[in-house]
Every structure is written in structure tokens, then in C-alpha cells.
Amino acid sequence: MTGNDAIAEAAIRAGCDAYYGYPITPQNEIANYMARHMPARGRVFIQAESELAAINMVFGTAVAGRRAMTSSSSPGVSLKQEGISYLAGAELPAVIVNVQRGGPGLGNIAPSQSDYFQAVKGGGHGDYHQIVLAPHSVQEMYDLTALAFDLADRYRNPVMVLSDGRLGQMMEPVTLHEVRSRPPPKPWALTGARGRKPNLIRSLLLGEGELERHNLRLQRKYARISRSEQRWEERNARNCDVLIVAYGTCARIAKGCAAAAADFGLKAGLFRPISLWPFPYRPMRRAASSAKCVLVVEMSAGQMLEDVRLAVAGMAPVFFLGRMGGGVPEEGEVLRRLRALAKTTRRRSHGAE
């Protein structure tokens, strides 16, 4: 399957009740797949009149206690930011997929990772977080989308699957595991108040101190998420010469480069964050503590780089290799950087001796 089709199939199997989208490349295959398969299962598919309409339709479905999803690509996700903030403020579960493309502005339709700040730092207004999952294969596009629905319901919080144009368009074998995802009871939902007191869901809180108390409660929830939902992958990450840190498409490239680096006598490890929020700071710090240096590889000007520096906290020098505007790092340029770092680490080792 393509990555985009795998996302759509996972959403269907996870019990997505309604999908709302608006066309934009390179994620149109998700909407196309949902248009073909959702109505056949008696579920809702609507091509909205805009990205703003789509995210607010998600809000309406979520507030009724049903599972909802939308997908878009970078400029379209920018338009959804107000709605995502509303979802977080009202504590509503929803899944948002961003198949990133080059920017800023309309940019181009090539893969990028330049929406990292927007996704993990809160692209809308207010002190909120969405859970952010970053797949690096078609299999993970499927698996992490199914997981996203469970996390959204578990924490009553929006969850973003942060992909990119290459992962969305590429085709790989995928095992369609049975999805055991089932929505939990939602006594808070607006389902009609016959036989019970009315529920009230809102994010407009005007009473004295009311909004601050709400924010403090949200922060306690985010702290629980941070403790429980960090996800990452390590490969040969302990006692390495260079620890490569990458996610998504760049992690695929980094895996090959880490293996090839052994040909010129460099021990290279890989640390791949899977949850970008919550970012796995402590596992990253443990991995970096035994490395001679760290190399961050991104398709951006260095956005995840900031979180890596926070995690490493000066325990090892941090270097960066980035491409922008739809540029994808090639294995050759990563290997050239690793060769240069190998020489640097050797000089430092000899100096210490």
C-alpha cells in the first residue's frame, strides 16, 4: 500500500465514524480512499468547502462522542490551527494527519519536515499540547494511526500523525494487523439529555479564575501524557562515536548511513523519536551521554534540533545537517558529514590521550 492509503485503512479499522477533508497535494489519496470506503460502511465522508470547515466538522462529531479524523498538508493544516486549539480547550478527542510539504507559504509539493514547531509547540493559541506521532514507514503509518484514535480517546485530546510527502506517496508491504481499538464510554458527550442532566462542553470560560483553573487541570493532564506516552527507537545508540538523531523519512536515510559508516571505522548509532510530543528527553539524554557527538538530520532549518539540544544539555557536541524547501538529504551527503565527524572525534580522542 501507499502510506496515505495505509493511514486511511487504519482509520477505518479503528472505527473512525466520520472523515472531513479538503483537497491538497500530497495527501489527496487519504480523502480519495475515505470517499470510496466510508459511505460503503455506512459512515460519514464529507469533502468540506474549506480546511476551516473540515476541522470544525471534526469538532461537531467529537463533541457528540464519535470518532472523527481530518487530513491535510502543511498550508491546509495552518488553516486548521484555530480549530485544533478549540479541540484542546474543550478536551475533545480527534485525529489530524499532516502529510508535510515544502514551505513557507504555498511552497511546493515535495516532502518536508518544516512543520515540526507548529505540531509540537502548539500552532494555535493558548497553552495546549497535541500528541504528535511520527511514522517512518508505511507499516507505521498504519500502526500509529490506529494508536492515535486510542490515545485521543484515552486523554480526550487531539492527536496528530505527522508524516511527509515521501512517506505518503511511497509504496511498501504492510501487514494489516487486526485493530483492537474500541471507543471507551463517553458519558461527557452531547448525545441528548433524556434521562440525565445536560452535559456542557465549551472552551469559553469567563468566570473569575475559571480559565486559569481549567488551564492548570490541562497542564496536569499533559504531565501525565509526558510520563506515559514517550515513544522512541534506538539502534546501537550506546557508546557510539556519532549518535544520529532523525525521524520520519530522514530516519530511513539515517539507518542506512549508520550501517555504512562502519566501512570507514566509525561506530554510528541511531536515536529515532516516534513521539515528537511528548519528546523523549530522558531516553535521548541517556543515549547521548555515552556518545562522542550527536548529528541531527532533518528536512528543515533545524526545528527538532532545538529539542535535541535541550535533551543533550551539553553532554556532547551537537551538529546539524538539514535540507529545506522540499530537499531530501541524500545518503552521500550524510556519509560525508559522518566522515568529517569521524576525523573530528579522532583528533579529540588523541588530544585527550
Foldseek 3Di string as FASTA:
>chain_A
DALLLLLLVLCVLLQQQEEEEEDDPPNVVNLVNCVVPNVVVVGYYDDDPALCVRLVVCVVQQLQPGEYEYEDEDVSVLSCQQSQVFQQLLLTFYEYEYAYAFDDPPQDRFWFDACLCCQAVRVHDDPAHAWEFEAAASQCSNVVSSVSRVVCQVLSHYYYYYAHNVRRGDDDDYDNDRRPNDRDDDPQHQNDAVPHDGHDTGNDDDDVCPNVVSVVVNVVSLVVCLVPPWDKDKFLLAQFQEEEEETHNVQVLVVVLQVVLVVVPGRYMYIYTRTSVVYPLAVLCNSLLNYQEYEYEGQHPQDCVVSSCVSVVPSHHYHYDYHHSNDDDHSVVVNVVVVVSVVVSVVVVVVVD
